[in-house]
Amino acid sequence: MNAAERRVAREWTTIQAMIRLYCRDLHGGRKALCEECEALRACAERRLAKCPFAEEKPTCVTCPVHCYEAAMRERVRQVMRHAGPRMLLRHPILALLHLRDEKLPLSEKAARIAERLRRPAQEG
């Protein structure tokens, strides 16, 4: 597995850990995720698999493309708001690597897409 594949795999591991932490804390999902959180996990898996950046994927907070529908994006935000601070205690290595990844500059591909997305808003 190369560095880019490891980055995507780590992103997947991180979002799963956040969803599990959120479900356990708020929905009592000790062994398995509740239906709502399982649906969110499945959606996140599909979105990550179809990410247009693939190996160059930025963290979601810095990504120029919002691949979740509005309602699902809000659920992901809730999960991250709850689980983010707790990740430092429960999964410190994942949390620190995720924080480091947020500081990385956008790849050229992501920057081009971000510029393309900004242009119509500036013209209109």
C-alpha atoms as a PDB file:
ATOM      1  CA  MET A   1       0.000   0.000   0.000  1.00  0.00           C
ATOM      2  CA  ASN A   2       1.486   3.356  -1.015  1.00  0.00           C
ATOM      3  CA  ALA A   3       1.278   6.592   0.988  1.00  0.00           C
ATOM      4  CA  ALA A   4      -1.809   7.849  -0.866  1.00  0.00           C
ATOM      5  CA  GLU A   5      -3.705   4.592  -0.279  1.00  0.00           C
ATOM      6  CA  ARG A   6      -2.742   4.682   3.392  1.00  0.00           C
ATOM      7  CA  ARG A   7      -4.059   8.271   3.618  1.00  0.00           C
ATOM      8  CA  VAL A   8      -7.492   7.254   2.254  1.00  0.00           C
ATOM      9  CA  ALA A   9      -7.559   4.151   4.484  1.00  0.00           C
ATOM     10  CA  ARG A  10      -6.727   6.317   7.511  1.00  0.00           C
ATOM     11  CA  GLU A  11      -9.486   8.779   6.576  1.00  0.00           C
ATOM     12  CA  TRP A  12     -11.919   5.833   6.477  1.00  0.00           C
ATOM     13  CA  THR A  13     -10.691   4.513   9.823  1.00  0.00           C
ATOM     14  CA  THR A  14     -11.045   7.977  11.357  1.00  0.00           C
ATOM     15  CA  ILE A  15     -14.641   8.571  10.219  1.00  0.00           C
ATOM     16  CA  GLN A  16     -15.646   5.086  11.380  1.00  0.00           C
ATOM     17  CA  ALA A  17     -14.089   5.705  14.804  1.00  0.00           C
ATOM     18  CA  MET A  18     -15.909   9.039  15.076  1.00  0.00           C
ATOM     19  CA  ILE A  19     -19.266   7.500  14.161  1.00  0.00           C
ATOM     20  CA  ARG A  20     -18.765   4.630  16.646  1.00  0.00           C
ATOM     21  CA  LEU A  21     -17.835   7.088  19.402  1.00  0.00           C
ATOM     22  CA  TYR A  22     -20.840   9.303  18.632  1.00  0.00           C
ATOM     23  CA  CYS A  23     -23.269   6.359  18.536  1.00  0.00           C
ATOM     24  CA  ARG A  24     -21.924   4.830  21.738  1.00  0.00           C
ATOM     25  CA  ASP A  25     -22.125   8.112  23.623  1.00  0.00           C
ATOM     26  CA  LEU A  26     -25.471   9.381  22.355  1.00  0.00           C
ATOM     27  CA  HIS A  27     -27.394   6.322  21.186  1.00  0.00           C
ATOM     28  CA  GLY A  28     -26.052   3.637  23.509  1.00  0.00           C
ATOM     29  CA  GLY A  29     -24.604   1.623  20.615  1.00  0.00           C
ATOM     30  CA  ARG A  30     -22.163  -0.487  22.602  1.00  0.00           C
ATOM     31  CA  LYS A  31     -21.573  -3.400  20.219  1.00  0.00           C
ATOM     32  CA  ALA A  32     -23.203  -2.314  16.983  1.00  0.00           C
ATOM     33  CA  LEU A  33     -24.239   0.985  15.481  1.00  0.00           C
ATOM     34  CA  CYS A  34     -27.869   2.031  15.648  1.00  0.00           C
ATOM     35  CA  GLU A  35     -29.758   2.179  12.319  1.00  0.00           C
ATOM     36  CA  GLU A  36     -29.248   5.923  11.964  1.00  0.00           C
ATOM     37  CA  CYS A  37     -25.505   5.737  12.551  1.00  0.00           C
ATOM     38  CA  GLU A  38     -25.129   2.666  10.351  1.00  0.00           C
ATOM     39  CA  ALA A  39     -26.819   4.579   7.508  1.00  0.00           C
ATOM     40  CA  LEU A  40     -24.384   7.452   8.061  1.00  0.00           C
ATOM     41  CA  ARG A  41     -21.438   5.032   8.069  1.00  0.00           C
ATOM     42  CA  ALA A  42     -22.618   3.423   4.813  1.00  0.00           C
ATOM     43  CA  CYS A  43     -23.079   6.849   3.220  1.00  0.00           C
ATOM     44  CA  ALA A  44     -19.595   7.929   4.328  1.00  0.00           C
ATOM     45  CA  GLU A  45     -18.150   4.737   2.862  1.00  0.00           C
ATOM     46  CA  ARG A  46     -19.839   5.386  -0.499  1.00  0.00           C
ATOM     47  CA  ARG A  47     -18.752   9.028  -0.533  1.00  0.00           C
ATOM     48  CA  LEU A  48     -15.142   8.185   0.303  1.00  0.00           C
ATOM     49  CA  ALA A  49     -15.068   5.475  -2.368  1.00  0.00           C
ATOM     50  CA  LYS A  50     -16.316   7.978  -4.966  1.00  0.00           C
ATOM     51  CA  CYS A  51     -14.147  10.902  -3.854  1.00  0.00           C
ATOM     52  CA  PRO A  52     -12.973  12.768  -6.974  1.00  0.00           C
ATOM     53  CA  PHE A  53      -9.597  13.408  -5.339  1.00  0.00           C
ATOM     54  CA  ALA A  54      -8.839   9.752  -4.574  1.00  0.00           C
ATOM     55  CA  GLU A  55      -5.252   9.641  -3.319  1.00  0.00           C
ATOM     56  CA  GLU A  56      -4.999  13.434  -3.070  1.00  0.00           C
ATOM     57  CA  LYS A  57      -8.045  13.658  -0.823  1.00  0.00           C
ATOM     58  CA  PRO A  58      -7.993  16.584   1.599  1.00  0.00           C
ATOM     59  CA  THR A  59      -9.798  16.321   4.917  1.00  0.00           C
ATOM     60  CA  CYS A  60     -13.509  17.068   4.604  1.00  0.00           C
ATOM     61  CA  VAL A  61     -13.237  20.431   6.356  1.00  0.00           C
ATOM     62  CA  THR A  62     -10.714  21.681   3.771  1.00  0.00           C
ATOM     63  CA  CYS A  63     -12.275  19.974   0.752  1.00  0.00           C
ATOM     64  CA  PRO A  64     -13.626  22.270  -1.994  1.00  0.00           C
ATOM     65  CA  VAL A  65     -16.261  19.689  -2.986  1.00  0.00           C
ATOM     66  CA  HIS A  66     -19.162  18.921  -0.659  1.00  0.00           C
ATOM     67  CA  CYS A  67     -20.072  15.382  -1.584  1.00  0.00           C
ATOM     68  CA  TYR A  68     -22.723  14.889   1.106  1.00  0.00           C
ATOM     69  CA  GLU A  69     -26.275  16.112   0.646  1.00  0.00           C
ATOM     70  CA  ALA A  70     -27.170  18.972   3.005  1.00  0.00           C
ATOM     71  CA  ALA A  71     -28.954  16.822   5.616  1.00  0.00           C
ATOM     72  CA  MET A  72     -26.211  14.186   5.665  1.00  0.00           C
ATOM     73  CA  ARG A  73     -23.519  16.885   5.770  1.00  0.00           C
ATOM     74  CA  GLU A  74     -25.160  18.317   8.903  1.00  0.00           C
ATOM     75  CA  ARG A  75     -25.195  14.848  10.514  1.00  0.00           C
ATOM     76  CA  VAL A  76     -21.505  14.417   9.722  1.00  0.00           C
ATOM     77  CA  ARG A  77     -20.838  17.833  11.289  1.00  0.00           C
ATOM     78  CA  GLN A  78     -22.718  16.785  14.436  1.00  0.00           C
ATOM     79  CA  VAL A  79     -20.705  13.579  14.655  1.00  0.00           C
ATOM     80  CA  MET A  80     -17.436  15.442  14.180  1.00  0.00           C
ATOM     81  CA  ARG A  81     -18.389  18.166  16.661  1.00  0.00           C
ATOM     82  CA  HIS A  82     -19.121  15.533  19.307  1.00  0.00           C
ATOM     83  CA  ALA A  83     -16.402  13.005  18.520  1.00  0.00           C
ATOM     84  CA  GLY A  84     -13.589  15.344  17.475  1.00  0.00           C
ATOM     85  CA  PRO A  85     -12.505  16.478  20.946  1.00  0.00           C
ATOM     86  CA  ARG A  86     -12.999  12.984  22.368  1.00  0.00           C
ATOM     87  CA  MET A  87     -10.807  11.431  19.677  1.00  0.00           C
ATOM     88  CA  LEU A  88      -7.714  12.837  21.405  1.00  0.00           C
ATOM     89  CA  LEU A  89      -8.407  10.582  24.389  1.00  0.00           C
ATOM     90  CA  ARG A  90      -9.895   7.548  22.620  1.00  0.00           C
ATOM     91  CA  HIS A  91      -7.823   7.476  19.413  1.00  0.00           C
ATOM     92  CA  PRO A  92      -4.934   9.914  19.932  1.00  0.00           C
ATOM     93  CA  ILE A  93      -2.841   8.815  16.945  1.00  0.00           C
ATOM     94  CA  LEU A  94      -5.773   9.033  14.518  1.00  0.00           C
ATOM     95  CA  ALA A  95      -6.748  12.413  15.967  1.00  0.00           C
ATOM     96  CA  LEU A  96      -3.254  13.860  15.678  1.00  0.00           C
ATOM     97  CA  LEU A  97      -2.771  12.548  12.144  1.00  0.00           C
ATOM     98  CA  HIS A  98      -6.149  14.003  11.162  1.00  0.00           C
ATOM     99  CA  LEU A  99      -5.194  17.386  12.635  1.00  0.00           C
ATOM    100  CA  ARG A 100      -1.902  17.247  10.741  1.00  0.00           C
ATOM    101  CA  ASP A 101      -3.717  16.359   7.509  1.00  0.00           C
ATOM    102  CA  GLU A 102      -5.970  19.414   7.937  1.00  0.00           C
ATOM    103  CA  LYS A 103      -2.870  21.619   7.829  1.00  0.00           C
ATOM    104  CA  LEU A 104      -1.570  20.146   4.566  1.00  0.00           C
ATOM    105  CA  PRO A 105      -1.991  22.385   1.528  1.00  0.00           C
ATOM    106  CA  LEU A 106      -4.542  21.402  -1.098  1.00  0.00           C
ATOM    107  CA  SER A 107      -3.133  19.334  -3.924  1.00  0.00           C
ATOM    108  CA  GLU A 108      -2.948  20.964  -7.354  1.00  0.00           C
ATOM    109  CA  LYS A 109      -5.997  18.961  -8.432  1.00  0.00           C
ATOM    110  CA  ALA A 110      -8.043  20.097  -5.420  1.00  0.00           C
ATOM    111  CA  ALA A 111      -6.903  23.706  -5.891  1.00  0.00           C
ATOM    112  CA  ARG A 112      -7.975  23.648  -9.574  1.00  0.00           C
ATOM    113  CA  ILE A 113     -11.396  22.269  -8.649  1.00  0.00           C
ATOM    114  CA  ALA A 114     -11.781  24.822  -5.858  1.00  0.00           C
ATOM    115  CA  GLU A 115     -10.927  27.632  -8.279  1.00  0.00           C
ATOM    116  CA  ARG A 116     -13.435  26.307 -10.822  1.00  0.00           C
ATOM    117  CA  LEU A 117     -16.131  26.178  -8.136  1.00  0.00           C
ATOM    118  CA  ARG A 118     -15.372  29.720  -6.952  1.00  0.00           C
ATOM    119  CA  ARG A 119     -15.361  31.284 -10.432  1.00  0.00           C
ATOM    120  CA  PRO A 120     -19.137  31.139 -11.166  1.00  0.00           C
ATOM    121  CA  ALA A 121     -19.904  32.707  -7.779  1.00  0.00           C
ATOM    122  CA  GLN A 122     -17.497  35.560  -8.478  1.00  0.00           C
ATOM    123  CA  GLU A 123     -18.852  36.147 -12.004  1.00  0.00           C
ATOM    124  CA  GLY A 124     -22.523  36.163 -10.948  1.00  0.00           C
END
